Amino acid sequence: MKEKETCFERICALGARYREYRRALGISQQDVHRKTGVALSTISLFENGKGQGMSLTHFYLLMDALDRDIDIDALIPEAHRSNLRKLWEQQNKMGKK
């Protein structure tokens, strides 16, 4: 029986998934930086599993840099999908007003 995944492990998985998704879209970290103003070091730390202190604002900016209609299920680990999906949808509604 597998032990429950730690918060650190989930954040590492999320960062790795983000990197894979970004690369699949052909978007560089520099492109993300230009679109969002988020520091390259923050982007790199997140993608390399060291983004535990990253703000939710930066997280949303990084998601928006890829695609406003991003498939959040492709990025969010299973255990956190429902909570983050709600936040994501609220953010998108607020941004469209």
PDB file of N, CA and C in Angstrom:
ATOM      1  N   MET A   1       0.836  -1.186   0.000  1.00  0.00           N
ATOM      2  CA  MET A   1       0.000   0.000   0.000  1.00  0.00           C
ATOM      3  C   MET A   1       0.880   1.250   0.000  1.00  0.00           C
ATOM      4  N   LYS A   2       0.596   2.140  -0.914  1.00  0.00           N
ATOM      5  CA  LYS A   2       1.398   3.352  -1.048  1.00  0.00           C
ATOM      6  C   LYS A   2       1.038   4.345   0.054  1.00  0.00           C
ATOM      7  N   GLU A   3       2.072   4.965   0.615  1.00  0.00           N
ATOM      8  CA  GLU A   3       1.851   6.007   1.610  1.00  0.00           C
ATOM      9  C   GLU A   3       1.244   7.222   0.931  1.00  0.00           C
ATOM     10  N   LYS A   4       0.529   8.018   1.716  1.00  0.00           N
ATOM     11  CA  LYS A   4      -0.079   9.234   1.198  1.00  0.00           C
ATOM     12  C   LYS A   4       1.014  10.172   0.684  1.00  0.00           C
ATOM     13  N   GLU A   5       0.777  10.725  -0.470  1.00  0.00           N
ATOM     14  CA  GLU A   5       1.722  11.649  -1.086  1.00  0.00           C
ATOM     15  C   GLU A   5       1.822  12.920  -0.243  1.00  0.00           C
ATOM     16  N   THR A   6       3.034  13.383  -0.018  1.00  0.00           N
ATOM     17  CA  THR A   6       3.230  14.605   0.777  1.00  0.00           C
ATOM     18  C   THR A   6       2.947  15.840  -0.073  1.00  0.00           C
ATOM     19  N   CYS A   7       2.749  16.941   0.598  1.00  0.00           N
ATOM     20  CA  CYS A   7       2.543  18.222  -0.074  1.00  0.00           C
ATOM     21  C   CYS A   7       3.738  18.534  -0.974  1.00  0.00           C
ATOM     22  N   PHE A   8       4.941  18.304  -0.474  1.00  0.00           N
ATOM     23  CA  PHE A   8       6.152  18.548  -1.256  1.00  0.00           C
ATOM     24  C   PHE A   8       6.143  17.723  -2.548  1.00  0.00           C
ATOM     25  N   GLU A   9       5.756  16.461  -2.441  1.00  0.00           N
ATOM     26  CA  GLU A   9       5.715  15.593  -3.619  1.00  0.00           C
ATOM     27  C   GLU A   9       4.680  16.084  -4.631  1.00  0.00           C
ATOM     28  N   ARG A  10       3.562  16.569  -4.143  1.00  0.00           N
ATOM     29  CA  ARG A  10       2.517  17.085  -5.044  1.00  0.00           C
ATOM     30  C   ARG A  10       2.989  18.335  -5.774  1.00  0.00           C
ATOM     31  N   ILE A  11       3.674  19.213  -5.053  1.00  0.00           N
ATOM     32  CA  ILE A  11       4.189  20.435  -5.671  1.00  0.00           C
ATOM     33  C   ILE A  11       5.256  20.093  -6.712  1.00  0.00           C
ATOM     34  N   CYS A  12       6.110  19.135  -6.401  1.00  0.00           N
ATOM     35  CA  CYS A  12       7.121  18.686  -7.369  1.00  0.00           C
ATOM     36  C   CYS A  12       6.449  18.151  -8.633  1.00  0.00           C
ATOM     37  N   ALA A  13       5.406  17.331  -8.440  1.00  0.00           N
ATOM     38  CA  ALA A  13       4.689  16.760  -9.581  1.00  0.00           C
ATOM     39  C   ALA A  13       4.008  17.849 -10.408  1.00  0.00           C
ATOM     40  N   LEU A  14       3.433  18.820  -9.738  1.00  0.00           N
ATOM     41  CA  LEU A  14       2.766  19.916 -10.435  1.00  0.00           C
ATOM     42  C   LEU A  14       3.757  20.719 -11.271  1.00  0.00           C
ATOM     43  N   GLY A  15       4.915  21.027 -10.695  1.00  0.00           N
ATOM     44  CA  GLY A  15       5.931  21.765 -11.430  1.00  0.00           C
ATOM     45  C   GLY A  15       6.436  20.999 -12.646  1.00  0.00           C
ATOM     46  N   ALA A  16       6.634  19.691 -12.479  1.00  0.00           N
ATOM     47  CA  ALA A  16       7.096  18.857 -13.595  1.00  0.00           C
ATOM     48  C   ALA A  16       6.037  18.787 -14.694  1.00  0.00           C
ATOM     49  N   ARG A  17       4.787  18.668 -14.295  1.00  0.00           N
ATOM     50  CA  ARG A  17       3.703  18.635 -15.280  1.00  0.00           C
ATOM     51  C   ARG A  17       3.608  19.958 -16.014  1.00  0.00           C
ATOM     52  N   TYR A  18       3.761  21.052 -15.299  1.00  0.00           N
ATOM     53  CA  TYR A  18       3.735  22.371 -15.925  1.00  0.00           C
ATOM     54  C   TYR A  18       4.841  22.471 -16.975  1.00  0.00           C
ATOM     55  N   ARG A  19       6.057  22.071 -16.598  1.00  0.00           N
ATOM     56  CA  ARG A  19       7.199  22.123 -17.529  1.00  0.00           C
ATOM     57  C   ARG A  19       6.905  21.305 -18.785  1.00  0.00           C
ATOM     58  N   GLU A  20       6.384  20.096 -18.613  1.00  0.00           N
ATOM     59  CA  GLU A  20       6.063  19.237 -19.764  1.00  0.00           C
ATOM     60  C   GLU A  20       5.013  19.891 -20.663  1.00  0.00           C
ATOM     61  N   TYR A  21       3.996  20.452 -20.067  1.00  0.00           N
ATOM     62  CA  TYR A  21       2.925  21.101 -20.818  1.00  0.00           C
ATOM     63  C   TYR A  21       3.464  22.311 -21.568  1.00  0.00           C
ATOM     64  N   ARG A  22       4.272  23.126 -20.883  1.00  0.00           N
ATOM     65  CA  ARG A  22       4.863  24.316 -21.510  1.00  0.00           C
ATOM     66  C   ARG A  22       5.717  23.920 -22.707  1.00  0.00           C
ATOM     67  N   ARG A  23       6.555  22.929 -22.517  1.00  0.00           N
ATOM     68  CA  ARG A  23       7.429  22.483 -23.608  1.00  0.00           C
ATOM     69  C   ARG A  23       6.632  21.915 -24.781  1.00  0.00           C
ATOM     70  N   ALA A  24       5.575  21.164 -24.466  1.00  0.00           N
ATOM     71  CA  ALA A  24       4.740  20.590 -25.524  1.00  0.00           C
ATOM     72  C   ALA A  24       4.086  21.682 -26.371  1.00  0.00           C
ATOM     73  N   LEU A  25       3.831  22.822 -25.765  1.00  0.00           N
ATOM     74  CA  LEU A  25       3.248  23.958 -26.481  1.00  0.00           C
ATOM     75  C   LEU A  25       4.300  24.788 -27.211  1.00  0.00           C
ATOM     76  N   GLY A  26       5.573  24.457 -26.982  1.00  0.00           N
ATOM     77  CA  GLY A  26       6.650  25.195 -27.641  1.00  0.00           C
ATOM     78  C   GLY A  26       6.891  26.570 -27.044  1.00  0.00           C
ATOM     79  N   ILE A  27       6.584  26.722 -25.760  1.00  0.00           N
ATOM     80  CA  ILE A  27       6.755  27.998 -25.075  1.00  0.00           C
ATOM     81  C   ILE A  27       7.978  27.912 -24.165  1.00  0.00           C
ATOM     82  N   SER A  28       8.858  28.883 -24.246  1.00  0.00           N
ATOM     83  CA  SER A  28      10.060  28.887 -23.409  1.00  0.00           C
ATOM     84  C   SER A  28       9.780  29.549 -22.063  1.00  0.00           C
ATOM     85  N   GLN A  29      10.657  29.323 -21.121  1.00  0.00           N
ATOM     86  CA  GLN A  29      10.545  30.021 -19.840  1.00  0.00           C
ATOM     87  C   GLN A  29      10.639  31.532 -20.061  1.00  0.00           C
ATOM     88  N   GLN A  30      11.474  31.937 -20.983  1.00  0.00           N
ATOM     89  CA  GLN A  30      11.621  33.362 -21.305  1.00  0.00           C
ATOM     90  C   GLN A  30      10.297  33.934 -21.820  1.00  0.00           C
ATOM     91  N   ASP A  31       9.585  33.161 -22.656  1.00  0.00           N
ATOM     92  CA  ASP A  31       8.273  33.595 -23.149  1.00  0.00           C
ATOM     93  C   ASP A  31       7.301  33.789 -21.985  1.00  0.00           C
ATOM     94  N   VAL A  32       7.309  32.835 -21.051  1.00  0.00           N
ATOM     95  CA  VAL A  32       6.433  32.925 -19.876  1.00  0.00           C
ATOM     96  C   VAL A  32       6.783  34.169 -19.072  1.00  0.00           C
ATOM     97  N   HIS A  33       8.069  34.392 -18.883  1.00  0.00           N
ATOM     98  CA  HIS A  33       8.529  35.575 -18.149  1.00  0.00           C
ATOM     99  C   HIS A  33       8.047  36.860 -18.815  1.00  0.00           C
ATOM    100  N   ARG A  34       8.186  36.947 -20.124  1.00  0.00           N
ATOM    101  CA  ARG A  34       7.769  38.149 -20.851  1.00  0.00           C
ATOM    102  C   ARG A  34       6.267  38.403 -20.722  1.00  0.00           C
ATOM    103  N   LYS A  35       5.483  37.327 -20.777  1.00  0.00           N
ATOM    104  CA  LYS A  35       4.027  37.467 -20.690  1.00  0.00           C
ATOM    105  C   LYS A  35       3.541  37.826 -19.294  1.00  0.00           C
ATOM    106  N   THR A  36       4.258  37.373 -18.267  1.00  0.00           N
ATOM    107  CA  THR A  36       3.744  37.461 -16.907  1.00  0.00           C
ATOM    108  C   THR A  36       4.495  38.416 -15.997  1.00  0.00           C
ATOM    109  N   GLY A  37       5.768  38.633 -16.280  1.00  0.00           N
ATOM    110  CA  GLY A  37       6.597  39.402 -15.372  1.00  0.00           C
ATOM    111  C   GLY A  37       7.111  38.582 -14.200  1.00  0.00           C
ATOM    112  N   VAL A  38       6.752  37.304 -14.158  1.00  0.00           N
ATOM    113  CA  VAL A  38       7.247  36.413 -13.104  1.00  0.00           C
ATOM    114  C   VAL A  38       8.728  36.147 -13.390  1.00  0.00           C
ATOM    115  N   ALA A  39       9.547  36.263 -12.354  1.00  0.00           N
ATOM    116  CA  ALA A  39      10.992  36.094 -12.519  1.00  0.00           C
ATOM    117  C   ALA A  39      11.333  34.713 -13.079  1.00  0.00           C
ATOM    118  N   LEU A  40      12.342  34.683 -13.940  1.00  0.00           N
ATOM    119  CA  LEU A  40      12.806  33.407 -14.487  1.00  0.00           C
ATOM    120  C   LEU A  40      13.191  32.432 -13.379  1.00  0.00           C
ATOM    121  N   SER A  41      13.772  32.945 -12.318  1.00  0.00           N
ATOM    122  CA  SER A  41      14.171  32.069 -11.211  1.00  0.00           C
ATOM    123  C   SER A  41      12.948  31.424 -10.555  1.00  0.00           C
ATOM    124  N   THR A  42      11.852  32.154 -10.437  1.00  0.00           N
ATOM    125  CA  THR A  42      10.621  31.603  -9.864  1.00  0.00           C
ATOM    126  C   THR A  42      10.057  30.510 -10.762  1.00  0.00           C
ATOM    127  N   ILE A  43      10.060  30.750 -12.052  1.00  0.00           N
ATOM    128  CA  ILE A  43       9.572  29.760 -13.017  1.00  0.00           C
ATOM    129  C   ILE A  43      10.422  28.498 -12.945  1.00  0.00           C
ATOM    130  N   SER A  44      11.729  28.677 -12.947  1.00  0.00           N
ATOM    131  CA  SER A  44      12.648  27.543 -12.891  1.00  0.00           C
ATOM    132  C   SER A  44      12.494  26.748 -11.589  1.00  0.00           C
ATOM    133  N   LEU A  45      12.414  27.456 -10.470  1.00  0.00           N
ATOM    134  CA  LEU A  45      12.247  26.768  -9.188  1.00  0.00           C
ATOM    135  C   LEU A  45      10.960  25.959  -9.173  1.00  0.00           C
ATOM    136  N   PHE A  46       9.876  26.540  -9.657  1.00  0.00           N
ATOM    137  CA  PHE A  46       8.598  25.838  -9.704  1.00  0.00           C
ATOM    138  C   PHE A  46       8.703  24.578 -10.550  1.00  0.00           C
ATOM    139  N   GLU A  47       9.268  24.706 -11.737  1.00  0.00           N
ATOM    140  CA  GLU A  47       9.364  23.565 -12.643  1.00  0.00           C
ATOM    141  C   GLU A  47      10.303  22.473 -12.129  1.00  0.00           C
ATOM    142  N   ASN A  48      11.208  22.844 -11.254  1.00  0.00           N
ATOM    143  CA  ASN A  48      12.173  21.881 -10.722  1.00  0.00           C
ATOM    144  C   ASN A  48      11.824  21.415  -9.308  1.00  0.00           C
ATOM    145  N   GLY A  49      10.574  21.610  -8.914  1.00  0.00           N
ATOM    146  CA  GLY A  49      10.092  21.074  -7.654  1.00  0.00           C
ATOM    147  C   GLY A  49      10.504  21.838  -6.426  1.00  0.00           C
ATOM    148  N   LYS A  50      10.886  23.094  -6.607  1.00  0.00           N
ATOM    149  CA  LYS A  50      11.334  23.892  -5.465  1.00  0.00           C
ATOM    150  C   LYS A  50      10.487  25.152  -5.312  1.00  0.00           C
ATOM    151  N   GLY A  51       9.248  25.070  -5.743  1.00  0.00           N
ATOM    152  CA  GLY A  51       8.385  26.239  -5.722  1.00  0.00           C
ATOM    153  C   GLY A  51       7.386  26.251  -4.586  1.00  0.00           C
ATOM    154  N   GLN A  52       7.735  25.658  -3.476  1.00  0.00           N
ATOM    155  CA  GLN A  52       6.798  25.565  -2.359  1.00  0.00           C
ATOM    156  C   GLN A  52       6.341  26.919  -1.845  1.00  0.00           C
ATOM    157  N   GLY A  53       7.153  27.939  -1.975  1.00  0.00           N
ATOM    158  CA  GLY A  53       6.790  29.256  -1.463  1.00  0.00           C
ATOM    159  C   GLY A  53       6.175  30.173  -2.505  1.00  0.00           C
ATOM    160  N   MET A  54       5.933  29.666  -3.699  1.00  0.00           N
ATOM    161  CA  MET A  54       5.391  30.497  -4.764  1.00  0.00           C
ATOM    162  C   MET A  54       3.967  30.934  -4.420  1.00  0.00           C
ATOM    163  N   SER A  55       3.645  32.170  -4.726  1.00  0.00           N
ATOM    164  CA  SER A  55       2.313  32.692  -4.421  1.00  0.00           C
ATOM    165  C   SER A  55       1.275  32.125  -5.384  1.00  0.00           C
ATOM    166  N   LEU A  56       0.038  32.130  -4.934  1.00  0.00           N
ATOM    167  CA  LEU A  56      -1.062  31.697  -5.785  1.00  0.00           C
ATOM    168  C   LEU A  56      -1.193  32.623  -6.985  1.00  0.00           C
ATOM    169  N   THR A  57      -0.894  33.897  -6.788  1.00  0.00           N
ATOM    170  CA  THR A  57      -0.927  34.856  -7.895  1.00  0.00           C
ATOM    171  C   THR A  57       0.049  34.444  -8.989  1.00  0.00           C
ATOM    172  N   HIS A  58       1.270  34.093  -8.596  1.00  0.00           N
ATOM    173  CA  HIS A  58       2.252  33.644  -9.593  1.00  0.00           C
ATOM    174  C   HIS A  58       1.796  32.359 -10.269  1.00  0.00           C
ATOM    175  N   PHE A  59       1.212  31.458  -9.497  1.00  0.00           N
ATOM    176  CA  PHE A  59       0.707  30.210 -10.078  1.00  0.00           C
ATOM    177  C   PHE A  59      -0.307  30.513 -11.182  1.00  0.00           C
ATOM    178  N   TYR A  60      -1.269  31.386 -10.897  1.00  0.00           N
ATOM    179  CA  TYR A  60      -2.274  31.727 -11.897  1.00  0.00           C
ATOM    180  C   TYR A  60      -1.665  32.440 -13.104  1.00  0.00           C
ATOM    181  N   LEU A  61      -0.707  33.317 -12.864  1.00  0.00           N
ATOM    182  CA  LEU A  61      -0.032  33.981 -13.978  1.00  0.00           C
ATOM    183  C   LEU A  61       0.669  32.958 -14.873  1.00  0.00           C
ATOM    184  N   LEU A  62       1.324  31.984 -14.259  1.00  0.00           N
ATOM    185  CA  LEU A  62       2.007  30.953 -15.045  1.00  0.00           C
ATOM    186  C   LEU A  62       1.010  30.137 -15.861  1.00  0.00           C
ATOM    187  N   MET A  63      -0.130  29.811 -15.273  1.00  0.00           N
ATOM    188  CA  MET A  63      -1.155  29.070 -16.010  1.00  0.00           C
ATOM    189  C   MET A  63      -1.683  29.895 -17.177  1.00  0.00           C
ATOM    190  N   ASP A  64      -1.965  31.160 -16.921  1.00  0.00           N
ATOM    191  CA  ASP A  64      -2.479  32.034 -17.974  1.00  0.00           C
ATOM    192  C   ASP A  64      -1.476  32.217 -19.108  1.00  0.00           C
ATOM    193  N   ALA A  65      -0.197  32.157 -18.793  1.00  0.00           N
ATOM    194  CA  ALA A  65       0.835  32.335 -19.825  1.00  0.00           C
ATOM    195  C   ALA A  65       0.784  31.222 -20.857  1.00  0.00           C
ATOM    196  N   LEU A  66       0.316  30.057 -20.458  1.00  0.00           N
ATOM    197  CA  LEU A  66       0.258  28.933 -21.390  1.00  0.00           C
ATOM    198  C   LEU A  66      -0.994  28.987 -22.250  1.00  0.00           C
ATOM    199  N   ASP A  67      -2.125  29.173 -21.607  1.00  0.00           N
ATOM    200  CA  ASP A  67      -3.380  29.171 -22.345  1.00  0.00           C
ATOM    201  C   ASP A  67      -4.508  29.431 -21.363  1.00  0.00           C
ATOM    202  N   ARG A  68      -5.316  30.399 -21.636  1.00  0.00           N
ATOM    203  CA  ARG A  68      -6.420  30.740 -20.723  1.00  0.00           C
ATOM    204  C   ARG A  68      -7.358  29.561 -20.492  1.00  0.00           C
ATOM    205  N   ASP A  69      -7.530  28.711 -21.472  1.00  0.00           N
ATOM    206  CA  ASP A  69      -8.426  27.565 -21.363  1.00  0.00           C
ATOM    207  C   ASP A  69      -7.652  26.276 -21.104  1.00  0.00           C
ATOM    208  N   ILE A  70      -6.607  26.378 -20.319  1.00  0.00           N
ATOM    209  CA  ILE A  70      -5.757  25.238 -20.019  1.00  0.00           C
ATOM    210  C   ILE A  70      -6.554  24.104 -19.383  1.00  0.00           C
ATOM    211  N   ASP A  71      -6.187  22.887 -19.706  1.00  0.00           N
ATOM    212  CA  ASP A  71      -6.815  21.712 -19.096  1.00  0.00           C
ATOM    213  C   ASP A  71      -6.174  21.497 -17.734  1.00  0.00           C
ATOM    214  N   ILE A  72      -6.793  22.060 -16.715  1.00  0.00           N
ATOM    215  CA  ILE A  72      -6.232  22.003 -15.372  1.00  0.00           C
ATOM    216  C   ILE A  72      -6.065  20.566 -14.898  1.00  0.00           C
ATOM    217  N   ASP A  73      -6.931  19.652 -15.372  1.00  0.00           N
ATOM    218  CA  ASP A  73      -6.822  18.249 -14.972  1.00  0.00           C
ATOM    219  C   ASP A  73      -5.513  17.619 -15.442  1.00  0.00           C
ATOM    220  N   ALA A  74      -4.964  18.144 -16.529  1.00  0.00           N
ATOM    221  CA  ALA A  74      -3.709  17.600 -17.030  1.00  0.00           C
ATOM    222  C   ALA A  74      -2.528  17.986 -16.147  1.00  0.00           C
ATOM    223  N   LEU A  75      -2.703  19.022 -15.336  1.00  0.00           N
ATOM    224  CA  LEU A  75      -1.603  19.521 -14.526  1.00  0.00           C
ATOM    225  C   LEU A  75      -1.715  19.195 -13.044  1.00  0.00           C
ATOM    226  N   ILE A  76      -2.919  19.244 -12.509  1.00  0.00           N
ATOM    227  CA  ILE A  76      -3.103  19.127 -11.074  1.00  0.00           C
ATOM    228  C   ILE A  76      -3.133  17.669 -10.648  1.00  0.00           C
ATOM    229  N   PRO A  77      -2.344  17.318  -9.646  1.00  0.00           N
ATOM    230  CA  PRO A  77      -2.414  15.946  -9.126  1.00  0.00           C
ATOM    231  C   PRO A  77      -3.826  15.621  -8.672  1.00  0.00           C
ATOM    232  N   GLU A  78      -4.230  14.397  -8.871  1.00  0.00           N
ATOM    233  CA  GLU A  78      -5.592  13.921  -8.608  1.00  0.00           C
ATOM    234  C   GLU A  78      -6.159  14.395  -7.271  1.00  0.00           C
ATOM    235  N   ALA A  79      -5.383  14.299  -6.217  1.00  0.00           N
ATOM    236  CA  ALA A  79      -5.877  14.591  -4.873  1.00  0.00           C
ATOM    237  C   ALA A  79      -6.317  16.038  -4.688  1.00  0.00           C
ATOM    238  N   HIS A  80      -5.844  16.955  -5.533  1.00  0.00           N
ATOM    239  CA  HIS A  80      -6.151  18.375  -5.347  1.00  0.00           C
ATOM    240  C   HIS A  80      -6.980  18.975  -6.462  1.00  0.00           C
ATOM    241  N   ARG A  81      -7.425  18.176  -7.377  1.00  0.00           N
ATOM    242  CA  ARG A  81      -8.118  18.731  -8.539  1.00  0.00           C
ATOM    243  C   ARG A  81      -9.371  19.503  -8.197  1.00  0.00           C
ATOM    244  N   SER A  82     -10.229  18.975  -7.352  1.00  0.00           N
ATOM    245  CA  SER A  82     -11.506  19.650  -7.109  1.00  0.00           C
ATOM    246  C   SER A  82     -11.306  21.020  -6.470  1.00  0.00           C
ATOM    247  N   ASN A  83     -10.449  21.132  -5.481  1.00  0.00           N
ATOM    248  CA  ASN A  83     -10.224  22.413  -4.815  1.00  0.00           C
ATOM    249  C   ASN A  83      -9.580  23.425  -5.749  1.00  0.00           C
ATOM    250  N   LEU A  84      -8.541  23.020  -6.462  1.00  0.00           N
ATOM    251  CA  LEU A  84      -7.862  23.961  -7.351  1.00  0.00           C
ATOM    252  C   LEU A  84      -8.712  24.291  -8.571  1.00  0.00           C
ATOM    253  N   ARG A  85      -9.528  23.342  -9.018  1.00  0.00           N
ATOM    254  CA  ARG A  85     -10.414  23.628 -10.147  1.00  0.00           C
ATOM    255  C   ARG A  85     -11.378  24.755  -9.771  1.00  0.00           C
ATOM    256  N   LYS A  86     -11.933  24.709  -8.557  1.00  0.00           N
ATOM    257  CA  LYS A  86     -12.852  25.763  -8.111  1.00  0.00           C
ATOM    258  C   LYS A  86     -12.153  27.117  -8.099  1.00  0.00           C
ATOM    259  N   LEU A  87     -10.945  27.163  -7.539  1.00  0.00           N
ATOM    260  CA  LEU A  87     -10.186  28.419  -7.510  1.00  0.00           C
ATOM    261  C   LEU A  87      -9.890  28.911  -8.924  1.00  0.00           C
ATOM    262  N   TRP A  88      -9.503  27.977  -9.793  1.00  0.00           N
ATOM    263  CA  TRP A  88      -9.172  28.314 -11.182  1.00  0.00           C
ATOM    264  C   TRP A  88     -10.385  28.904 -11.892  1.00  0.00           C
ATOM    265  N   GLU A  89     -11.539  28.280 -11.723  1.00  0.00           N
ATOM    266  CA  GLU A  89     -12.750  28.764 -12.375  1.00  0.00           C
ATOM    267  C   GLU A  89     -13.162  30.132 -11.831  1.00  0.00           C
ATOM    268  N   GLN A  90     -13.027  30.334 -10.531  1.00  0.00           N
ATOM    269  CA  GLN A  90     -13.339  31.634  -9.938  1.00  0.00           C
ATOM    270  C   GLN A  90     -12.417  32.703 -10.509  1.00  0.00           C
ATOM    271  N   GLN A  91     -11.138  32.392 -10.621  1.00  0.00           N
ATOM    272  CA  GLN A  91     -10.161  33.348 -11.147  1.00  0.00           C
ATOM    273  C   GLN A  91     -10.495  33.708 -12.593  1.00  0.00           C
ATOM    274  N   ASN A  92     -10.842  32.708 -13.397  1.00  0.00           N
ATOM    275  CA  ASN A  92     -11.171  32.966 -14.792  1.00  0.00           C
ATOM    276  C   ASN A  92     -12.430  33.814 -14.925  1.00  0.00           C
ATOM    277  N   LYS A  93     -13.426  33.583 -14.068  1.00  0.00           N
ATOM    278  CA  LYS A  93     -14.647  34.396 -14.113  1.00  0.00           C
ATOM    279  C   LYS A  93     -14.331  35.838 -13.754  1.00  0.00           C
ATOM    280  N   MET A  94     -13.507  36.043 -12.736  1.00  0.00           N
ATOM    281  CA  MET A  94     -13.147  37.392 -12.315  1.00  0.00           C
ATOM    282  C   MET A  94     -12.360  38.100 -13.406  1.00  0.00           C
ATOM    283  N   GLY A  95     -11.488  37.372 -14.092  1.00  0.00           N
ATOM    284  CA  GLY A  95     -10.652  37.973 -15.131  1.00  0.00           C
ATOM    285  C   GLY A  95     -11.419  38.346 -16.380  1.00  0.00           C
ATOM    286  N   LYS A  96     -12.578  37.717 -16.591  1.00  0.00           N
ATOM    287  CA  LYS A  96     -13.365  37.972 -17.806  1.00  0.00           C
ATOM    288  C   LYS A  96     -14.356  39.107 -17.642  1.00  0.00           C
ATOM    289  N   LYS A  97     -14.524  39.618 -16.416  1.00  0.00           N
ATOM    290  CA  LYS A  97     -15.477  40.710 -16.170  1.00  0.00           C
ATOM    291  C   LYS A  97     -14.944  42.025 -16.651  1.00  0.00           C
TER     292      LYS A  97
END
